């Protein structure tokens, strides 16, 4: 169930994004509200709405909370500056690119300070990944992580935004349909548009490719550790910028061919019901379970931004994930648990050398897990609850009919 604090958070976010009547805060815990906002990565969205109330009810806390808000604004300003600086660098070095996710999502908000910003994500052609990295190093960025098999290579610079240079995006299934999606993603750079935003200039995707990348990004994290309310807000302000006919014309045929249309419709329903976006009849027609929007929102809020509210979500993945499909398995959690055990056993060094030792790998991995339980490092009860939660999440995600 969505609790009282989360309900208020949704009311505040709805008001900040789309105006309307300001929520009443008199009888609610501002501390709990801001804590929830922080875990959902919407602190900047919420603070200005509750600022006056904090000054009145908790003046001793106000300076500290204001300082946090201002610090996040500084991060945002720095992030936009980094985008502009990297744009100039890429243009100077003749490296075609497009900025994805963060600034591309922020562009659809009515004001640049509303959205909490994170990394700088640049998508470049495969042939330019190394060149882009070397160019970034001239600005003081240093290699952080990633390799040729990764979708991105990360670079960091002290006190500034982390830079991720993408050759592709996460969330694409490893099958024939995935090849079609990858081919479409490659078109993102050539169809990019230049924008002026927050005093800087850079390239962002056109509507189709931004929407597609957002969907894939949400799927990638939602079906693993989880996403926060910020991701849902990104989708809300984006889809609300279109009329129903415009949205269908741009997205319906393409997303149906990728098996992403039902997921898209469900997101639109969630945003309409809880964030106040414009009603889209095509989304209502796609609904098969009247309780699904609430279940999806509850799943988002329970996990928090990238699973910060519940670290068990990382553990749950092995019971529901389909590695090849890059989505959620339709198998039961017991079958999937065995599949996970089998995959871990295959990663054993001895098993890699001699496949006949696979049963030994099963014993070794099972022994490790049993050892964690006996040592108290992993509780049986916690494991039981985790299995229930994994099963519930699997049912929700299977309702999306991803990539079908």
Protein backbone atom coordinates (compact mmCIF):
# COMPACT_ATOMS: atom_id res chain seq x y z
CA UNK A 1 0.00 0.00 0.00
CA UNK A 2 1.10 3.57 -0.69
CA UNK A 3 1.51 5.21 2.71
CA UNK A 4 0.49 8.69 3.87
CA UNK A 5 3.92 10.24 3.33
CA UNK A 6 4.17 8.83 -0.19
CA UNK A 7 0.67 10.09 -1.00
CA UNK A 8 1.64 13.59 0.11
CA UNK A 9 4.86 13.35 -1.88
CA UNK A 10 2.87 12.55 -5.01
CA UNK A 11 0.56 15.52 -4.34
CA UNK A 12 3.53 17.87 -3.94
CA UNK A 13 5.26 16.56 -7.06
CA UNK A 14 2.04 16.85 -9.08
CA UNK A 15 1.66 20.46 -7.95
CA UNK A 16 5.27 21.33 -8.78
CA UNK A 17 5.17 19.73 -12.22
CA UNK A 18 1.71 20.75 -13.40
CA UNK A 19 0.44 23.43 -10.96
CA UNK A 20 -3.14 23.20 -9.69
CA UNK A 21 -4.11 23.39 -6.01
CA UNK A 22 -1.24 23.46 -3.51
CA UNK A 23 -1.32 20.48 -1.11
CA UNK A 24 -1.99 21.16 2.58
CA UNK A 25 1.02 20.33 4.73
CA UNK A 26 -0.20 21.31 8.22
CA UNK A 27 -0.59 17.87 9.77
CA UNK A 28 2.17 16.01 7.98
CA UNK A 29 5.76 15.27 8.95
CA UNK A 30 8.03 17.44 6.80
CA UNK A 31 11.04 15.42 7.92
CA UNK A 32 9.48 12.19 6.62
CA UNK A 33 8.40 13.91 3.40
CA UNK A 34 11.89 15.24 2.61
CA UNK A 35 13.46 11.90 3.52
CA UNK A 36 11.15 10.16 1.04
CA UNK A 37 11.86 12.83 -1.57
CA UNK A 38 15.60 12.27 -1.13
CA UNK A 39 15.26 8.50 -1.62
CA UNK A 40 13.17 9.08 -4.75
CA UNK A 41 15.66 11.65 -6.18
CA UNK A 42 13.05 14.44 -6.24
CA UNK A 43 14.40 16.63 -3.40
CA UNK A 44 14.76 19.68 -5.65
CA UNK A 45 11.23 19.13 -6.92
CA UNK A 46 9.78 19.10 -3.41
CA UNK A 47 11.78 21.56 -1.28
CA UNK A 48 10.50 24.88 -2.75
CA UNK A 49 6.90 23.76 -2.11
CA UNK A 50 7.51 23.07 1.59
CA UNK A 51 10.12 25.79 2.26
CA UNK A 52 7.76 28.29 3.91
CA UNK A 53 6.23 25.57 6.06
CA UNK A 54 9.69 24.51 7.28
CA UNK A 55 10.56 28.10 8.23
CA UNK A 56 7.35 28.30 10.26
CA UNK A 57 7.30 24.88 11.91
CA UNK A 58 11.00 23.99 12.17
CA UNK A 59 13.09 27.18 11.90
CA UNK A 60 16.05 25.47 13.58
CA UNK A 61 16.17 22.89 10.77
CA UNK A 62 15.67 25.35 7.94
CA UNK A 63 19.32 26.44 7.39
CA UNK A 64 20.49 22.81 7.08
CA UNK A 65 17.71 21.83 4.69
CA UNK A 66 18.16 25.00 2.63
CA UNK A 67 21.88 24.27 2.38
CA UNK A 68 21.12 20.80 1.00
CA UNK A 69 18.76 22.30 -1.57
CA UNK A 70 21.30 24.94 -2.64
CA UNK A 71 24.03 22.30 -2.86
CA UNK A 72 21.85 20.30 -5.25
CA UNK A 73 21.20 23.44 -7.30
CA UNK A 74 24.96 23.92 -7.57
CA UNK A 75 25.31 20.31 -8.74
CA UNK A 76 22.62 20.95 -11.35
CA UNK A 77 24.33 24.11 -12.57
CA UNK A 78 27.64 22.26 -12.78
CA UNK A 79 26.03 19.43 -14.67
CA UNK A 80 24.58 21.77 -17.29
CA UNK A 81 27.97 23.51 -17.58
CA UNK A 82 29.67 20.12 -18.07
CA UNK A 83 27.25 19.33 -20.89
CA UNK A 84 28.13 22.61 -22.59
CA UNK A 85 31.87 22.10 -22.11
CA UNK A 86 31.72 18.55 -23.47
CA UNK A 87 29.60 19.70 -26.40
CA UNK A 88 32.29 22.18 -27.38
CA UNK A 89 34.94 19.47 -26.96
CA UNK A 90 33.10 16.96 -29.17
CA UNK A 91 32.42 19.55 -31.87
CA UNK A 92 36.05 20.69 -31.80
CA UNK A 93 37.23 17.09 -32.26
CA UNK A 94 34.60 16.31 -34.96
CA UNK A 95 32.95 13.60 -32.83
CA UNK A 96 29.21 13.25 -33.55
CA UNK A 97 27.32 12.69 -30.29
CA UNK A 98 24.03 13.13 -28.50
CA UNK A 99 23.45 13.77 -24.78
CA UNK A 100 20.96 11.21 -23.46
CA UNK A 101 18.88 10.72 -20.29
CA UNK A 102 19.65 13.55 -17.81
CA UNK A 103 19.70 16.81 -19.73
CA UNK A 104 17.43 15.37 -22.43
CA UNK A 105 14.84 14.61 -19.73
CA UNK A 106 15.34 17.93 -17.91
CA UNK A 107 14.58 19.76 -21.16
CA UNK A 108 10.89 18.85 -20.83
CA UNK A 109 10.49 20.31 -17.32
CA UNK A 110 9.06 23.81 -17.05
CA UNK A 111 12.15 24.98 -15.15
CA UNK A 112 15.74 23.70 -15.08
CA UNK A 113 16.09 23.67 -11.28
CA UNK A 114 13.20 21.24 -10.72
CA UNK A 115 14.97 18.03 -11.72
CA UNK A 116 17.81 16.56 -9.63
CA UNK A 117 20.69 15.92 -12.05
CA UNK A 118 23.24 13.07 -12.04
CA UNK A 119 25.83 11.95 -14.57
CA UNK A 120 26.59 13.27 -18.04
CA UNK A 121 25.69 10.59 -20.60
CA UNK A 122 26.91 10.94 -24.17
CA UNK A 123 26.04 8.48 -26.92
CA UNK A 124 28.66 8.26 -29.69
CA UNK A 125 29.27 5.96 -32.63
CA UNK A 126 31.13 2.74 -31.82
CA UNK A 127 34.10 3.93 -33.88
CA UNK A 128 34.35 7.11 -31.78
CA UNK A 129 34.23 5.64 -28.24
CA UNK A 130 38.00 5.62 -27.75
CA UNK A 131 38.45 9.00 -29.46
CA UNK A 132 35.78 10.57 -27.23
CA UNK A 133 37.45 9.15 -24.12
CA UNK A 134 40.85 10.54 -25.07
CA UNK A 135 39.30 13.91 -25.79
CA UNK A 136 37.61 13.90 -22.34
CA UNK A 137 40.98 13.21 -20.73
CA UNK A 138 42.24 16.55 -22.05
CA UNK A 139 39.65 18.18 -19.76
CA UNK A 140 40.93 16.31 -16.71
CA UNK A 141 38.62 13.30 -16.83
CA UNK A 142 40.19 9.99 -15.82
CA UNK A 143 39.11 6.47 -16.72
CA UNK A 144 36.86 4.99 -14.03
CA UNK A 145 35.32 1.75 -15.29
CA UNK A 146 33.95 -0.10 -18.32
CA UNK A 147 35.46 -2.03 -21.23
CA UNK A 148 34.82 -3.04 -24.83
CA UNK A 149 31.95 -5.33 -23.77
CA UNK A 150 30.17 -2.63 -21.77
CA UNK A 151 27.43 -0.36 -23.04
CA UNK A 152 29.43 2.58 -21.70
CA UNK A 153 32.85 3.58 -20.39
CA UNK A 154 32.86 5.93 -17.40
CA UNK A 155 35.25 8.78 -16.66
CA UNK A 156 35.39 10.91 -13.53
CA UNK A 157 36.74 14.33 -12.68
CA UNK A 158 37.11 15.43 -9.05
CA UNK A 159 34.16 17.45 -7.81
CA UNK A 160 32.39 17.34 -11.17
CA UNK A 161 29.89 15.18 -13.00
CA UNK A 162 30.78 11.61 -13.89
CA UNK A 163 30.94 11.21 -17.67
CA UNK A 164 29.60 8.05 -19.29
CA UNK A 165 30.47 7.57 -22.96
CA UNK A 166 27.92 5.18 -24.43
CA UNK A 167 28.27 2.95 -27.46
CA UNK A 168 24.69 1.79 -26.84
CA UNK A 169 22.13 1.86 -24.02
CA UNK A 170 21.10 -0.64 -21.36
CA UNK A 171 17.85 -2.56 -21.46
CA UNK A 172 18.08 -4.00 -24.99
CA UNK A 173 17.30 -7.74 -25.17
CA UNK A 174 19.96 -10.10 -26.51
CA UNK A 175 17.90 -11.56 -29.36
CA UNK A 176 16.70 -10.78 -32.89
CA UNK A 177 14.31 -8.10 -31.63
CA UNK A 178 17.20 -6.56 -29.76
CA UNK A 179 19.12 -6.23 -33.02
CA UNK A 180 16.26 -4.17 -34.46
CA UNK A 181 16.21 -1.93 -31.38
CA UNK A 182 19.99 -1.46 -31.53
CA UNK A 183 19.69 -0.47 -35.18
CA UNK A 184 17.09 2.14 -34.21
CA UNK A 185 19.24 3.46 -31.36
CA UNK A 186 22.10 4.01 -33.86
CA UNK A 187 19.85 6.53 -35.64
CA UNK A 188 19.74 8.68 -32.49
CA UNK A 189 22.89 10.61 -33.30
CA UNK A 190 22.02 11.52 -36.89
CA UNK A 191 18.50 12.65 -35.93
CA UNK A 192 19.66 14.65 -32.86
CA UNK A 193 18.69 18.29 -32.40
CA UNK A 194 20.66 21.13 -30.86
CA UNK A 195 19.04 22.89 -27.90
CA UNK A 196 19.81 25.90 -25.72
CA UNK A 197 19.07 25.03 -22.11
CA UNK A 198 20.10 26.45 -18.73
CA UNK A 199 22.60 28.74 -20.44
CA UNK A 200 24.34 25.93 -22.35
CA UNK A 201 24.03 24.30 -25.74
CA UNK A 202 24.18 20.62 -26.66
CA UNK A 203 22.60 17.90 -28.80
CA UNK A 204 19.72 15.80 -27.44
CA UNK A 205 17.64 13.06 -29.14
CA UNK A 206 14.52 13.80 -31.13
CA UNK A 207 11.20 12.82 -29.51
CA UNK A 208 11.09 9.23 -30.80
CA UNK A 209 14.59 8.30 -29.72
CA UNK A 210 14.42 10.11 -26.38
CA UNK A 211 11.21 8.25 -25.57
CA UNK A 212 12.70 4.92 -26.64
CA UNK A 213 15.88 5.45 -24.61
CA UNK A 214 13.87 6.45 -21.54
CA UNK A 215 11.76 3.31 -21.79
CA UNK A 216 14.80 1.06 -22.16
CA UNK A 217 16.57 2.82 -19.27
CA UNK A 218 13.55 2.37 -16.99
CA UNK A 219 13.20 -1.29 -17.94
CA UNK A 220 16.89 -1.90 -17.33
CA UNK A 221 16.75 -0.56 -13.76
CA UNK A 222 13.14 -1.28 -12.84
CA UNK A 223 13.48 -4.99 -13.51
CA UNK A 224 16.71 -5.10 -11.50
CA UNK A 225 17.38 -2.81 -8.55
CA UNK A 226 14.50 -0.41 -9.19
CA UNK A 227 13.85 3.16 -10.25
CA UNK A 228 12.74 6.15 -8.22
CA UNK A 229 9.96 8.66 -8.66
CA UNK A 230 12.32 10.92 -10.65
CA UNK A 231 12.18 8.50 -13.59
CA UNK A 232 8.39 8.52 -13.52
CA UNK A 233 8.43 12.34 -13.41
CA UNK A 234 10.71 12.34 -16.47
CA UNK A 235 8.19 10.25 -18.34
CA UNK A 236 5.26 12.36 -17.08
CA UNK A 237 6.55 15.72 -18.30
CA UNK A 238 7.67 14.13 -21.56
CA UNK A 239 4.45 12.37 -22.52
CA UNK A 240 2.36 15.30 -21.27
CA UNK A 241 4.04 17.52 -23.87
CA UNK A 242 2.15 15.68 -26.64
CA UNK A 243 -1.49 15.55 -27.60
CA UNK A 244 -2.90 12.05 -27.82
CA UNK A 245 -2.84 12.06 -31.63
CA UNK A 246 0.74 13.37 -31.73
CA UNK A 247 1.93 10.72 -29.30
CA UNK A 248 0.30 7.89 -31.21
CA UNK A 249 1.64 9.13 -34.52
CA UNK A 250 5.23 9.26 -33.26
CA UNK A 251 5.35 6.19 -31.03
CA UNK A 252 2.59 3.62 -31.52
CA UNK A 253 3.77 1.72 -34.60
CA UNK A 254 7.44 1.70 -33.63
CA UNK A 255 6.90 0.73 -29.99
CA UNK A 256 4.46 -2.01 -30.91
CA UNK A 257 7.09 -3.48 -33.23
CA UNK A 258 9.56 -3.47 -30.33
CA UNK A 259 7.16 -4.97 -27.80
CA UNK A 260 7.14 -1.80 -25.68
CA UNK A 261 3.69 -0.38 -26.34
CA UNK A 262 1.87 -1.97 -23.39
CA UNK A 263 4.59 -0.85 -20.98
CA UNK A 264 4.26 2.65 -22.43
CA UNK A 265 0.50 2.63 -21.93
CA UNK A 266 0.85 1.49 -18.33
CA UNK A 267 3.32 4.29 -17.58
CA UNK A 268 0.88 6.80 -19.06
CA UNK A 269 -1.90 5.43 -16.84
CA UNK A 270 0.26 5.70 -13.73
CA UNK A 271 1.22 9.28 -14.59
CA UNK A 272 -2.38 10.27 -15.27
CA UNK A 273 -3.71 8.77 -12.03
CA UNK A 274 -0.97 9.89 -9.66
CA UNK A 275 0.79 12.87 -11.27
CA UNK A 276 -2.05 14.52 -13.16
CA UNK A 277 -0.95 14.18 -16.79
CA UNK A 278 -3.44 14.54 -19.63
CA UNK A 279 -5.66 11.50 -20.21
CA UNK A 280 -4.76 9.33 -23.16
CA UNK A 281 -7.54 7.03 -24.31
CA UNK A 282 -5.18 4.56 -25.96
CA UNK A 283 -3.64 3.87 -22.56
CA UNK A 284 -7.04 3.17 -20.98
CA UNK A 285 -7.88 0.74 -23.78
CA UNK A 286 -4.65 -1.20 -23.12
CA UNK A 287 -5.43 -1.74 -19.44
CA UNK A 288 -6.23 -5.33 -18.51
CA UNK A 289 -5.85 -5.05 -14.73
CA UNK A 290 -7.42 -2.07 -12.97
CA UNK A 291 -5.05 -2.46 -10.03
CA UNK A 292 -1.89 -2.55 -12.15
CA UNK A 293 -1.14 1.22 -12.07
CA UNK A 294 -1.18 1.19 -8.26
CA UNK A 295 0.99 -1.95 -8.16
CA UNK A 296 3.51 -0.37 -10.52
CA UNK A 297 3.67 2.86 -8.52
CA UNK A 298 4.01 0.94 -5.26
CA UNK A 299 6.89 -1.03 -6.76
CA UNK A 300 8.63 2.19 -7.83
CA UNK A 301 8.20 3.86 -4.44
CA UNK A 302 9.21 0.78 -2.45
CA UNK A 303 12.52 0.48 -4.27
CA UNK A 304 13.52 4.13 -4.42
CA UNK A 305 16.04 5.58 -6.82
CA UNK A 306 18.20 2.66 -8.05
CA UNK A 307 17.08 0.52 -5.11
CA UNK A 308 18.29 2.86 -2.35
CA UNK A 309 15.31 2.04 -0.13
CA UNK A 310 15.61 -1.73 -0.35
CA UNK A 311 18.98 -3.30 -1.11
CA UNK A 312 17.35 -6.75 -1.17
CA UNK A 313 16.13 -5.90 -4.66
CA UNK A 314 19.60 -6.76 -5.94
CA UNK A 315 19.24 -10.21 -4.37
CA UNK A 316 15.74 -10.69 -5.76
CA UNK A 317 16.98 -10.32 -9.33
CA UNK A 318 18.40 -13.83 -9.52
CA UNK A 319 14.93 -15.25 -8.91
CA UNK A 320 13.18 -13.32 -11.67
CA UNK A 321 15.67 -12.14 -14.29
CA UNK A 322 16.12 -13.44 -17.81
CA UNK A 323 19.71 -12.55 -18.71
CA UNK A 324 19.42 -13.25 -22.40
CA UNK A 325 16.15 -11.39 -22.80
CA UNK A 326 17.38 -8.55 -20.58
CA UNK A 327 13.99 -8.63 -18.94
CA UNK A 328 12.00 -10.78 -16.49
CA UNK A 329 11.61 -14.52 -16.80
CA UNK A 330 8.17 -16.07 -17.02
CA UNK A 331 9.40 -19.05 -15.00
CA UNK A 332 8.54 -19.60 -11.36
CA UNK A 333 10.95 -18.36 -8.69
CA UNK A 334 12.05 -21.91 -7.75
CA UNK A 335 12.98 -22.76 -11.35
CA UNK A 336 14.66 -19.38 -11.73
CA UNK A 337 16.57 -19.86 -8.46
CA UNK A 338 17.97 -23.12 -9.85
CA UNK A 339 18.88 -21.33 -13.09
CA UNK A 340 20.72 -18.74 -11.06
CA UNK A 341 22.54 -21.45 -9.10
CA UNK A 342 23.44 -23.15 -12.37
CA UNK A 343 24.81 -19.88 -13.79
CA UNK A 344 26.90 -19.26 -10.68
CA UNK A 345 28.23 -22.81 -10.77
CA UNK A 346 29.28 -22.35 -14.41
CA UNK A 347 31.31 -19.29 -13.35
CA UNK A 348 33.38 -21.44 -11.00
CA UNK A 349 37.00 -21.58 -12.21
CA UNK A 350 37.18 -25.40 -12.04
CA UNK A 351 33.86 -25.81 -13.86
CA UNK A 352 35.04 -23.46 -16.62
CA UNK A 353 37.99 -25.77 -17.20
CA UNK A 354 36.03 -29.03 -16.97
CA UNK A 355 32.29 -28.97 -17.62
CA UNK A 356 31.91 -32.44 -16.10
CA UNK A 357 32.51 -30.80 -12.72
CA UNK A 358 29.26 -28.79 -12.98
CA UNK A 359 27.56 -30.87 -10.20
CA UNK A 360 30.52 -30.01 -7.96
CA UNK A 361 29.84 -26.35 -8.72
CA UNK A 362 26.24 -26.80 -7.56
CA UNK A 363 27.44 -28.23 -4.26
CA UNK A 364 30.01 -25.45 -3.77
CA UNK A 365 27.55 -22.63 -4.46
CA UNK A 366 24.81 -24.24 -2.33
CA UNK A 367 27.38 -24.63 0.46
CA UNK A 368 28.29 -20.96 0.27
CA UNK A 369 24.63 -19.97 0.61
CA UNK A 370 24.03 -22.40 3.48
CA UNK A 371 27.14 -21.02 5.20
CA UNK A 372 25.73 -17.51 5.03
CA UNK A 373 22.50 -18.67 6.65
CA UNK A 374 24.25 -20.68 9.41
CA UNK A 375 26.63 -17.79 10.15
CA UNK A 376 23.69 -15.41 10.51
CA UNK A 377 24.87 -13.19 7.67
CA UNK A 378 21.77 -14.12 5.71
CA UNK A 379 18.53 -14.74 7.56
CA UNK A 380 16.15 -17.52 6.55
CA UNK A 381 13.14 -15.33 7.25
CA UNK A 382 14.60 -12.53 5.14
CA UNK A 383 15.13 -15.00 2.30
CA UNK A 384 11.51 -16.16 2.56
CA UNK A 385 10.23 -12.58 2.41
CA UNK A 386 12.57 -11.86 -0.47
CA UNK A 387 11.12 -14.78 -2.46
CA UNK A 388 7.59 -13.47 -1.90
CA UNK A 389 8.61 -10.01 -3.04
CA UNK A 390 10.44 -11.42 -6.05
CA UNK A 391 7.35 -13.36 -7.08
CA UNK A 392 5.18 -10.24 -6.75
CA UNK A 393 7.61 -8.18 -8.83
CA UNK A 394 7.81 -10.89 -11.49
CA UNK A 395 4.00 -10.86 -11.87
CA UNK A 396 3.98 -7.08 -12.27
CA UNK A 397 6.75 -7.02 -14.85
CA UNK A 398 5.30 -9.91 -16.82
CA UNK A 399 2.13 -7.82 -17.17
CA UNK A 400 4.18 -5.38 -19.25
CA UNK A 401 4.65 -8.06 -21.96
CA UNK A 402 8.11 -6.64 -22.60
CA UNK A 403 9.68 -7.28 -26.00
CA UNK A 404 6.79 -9.46 -27.17
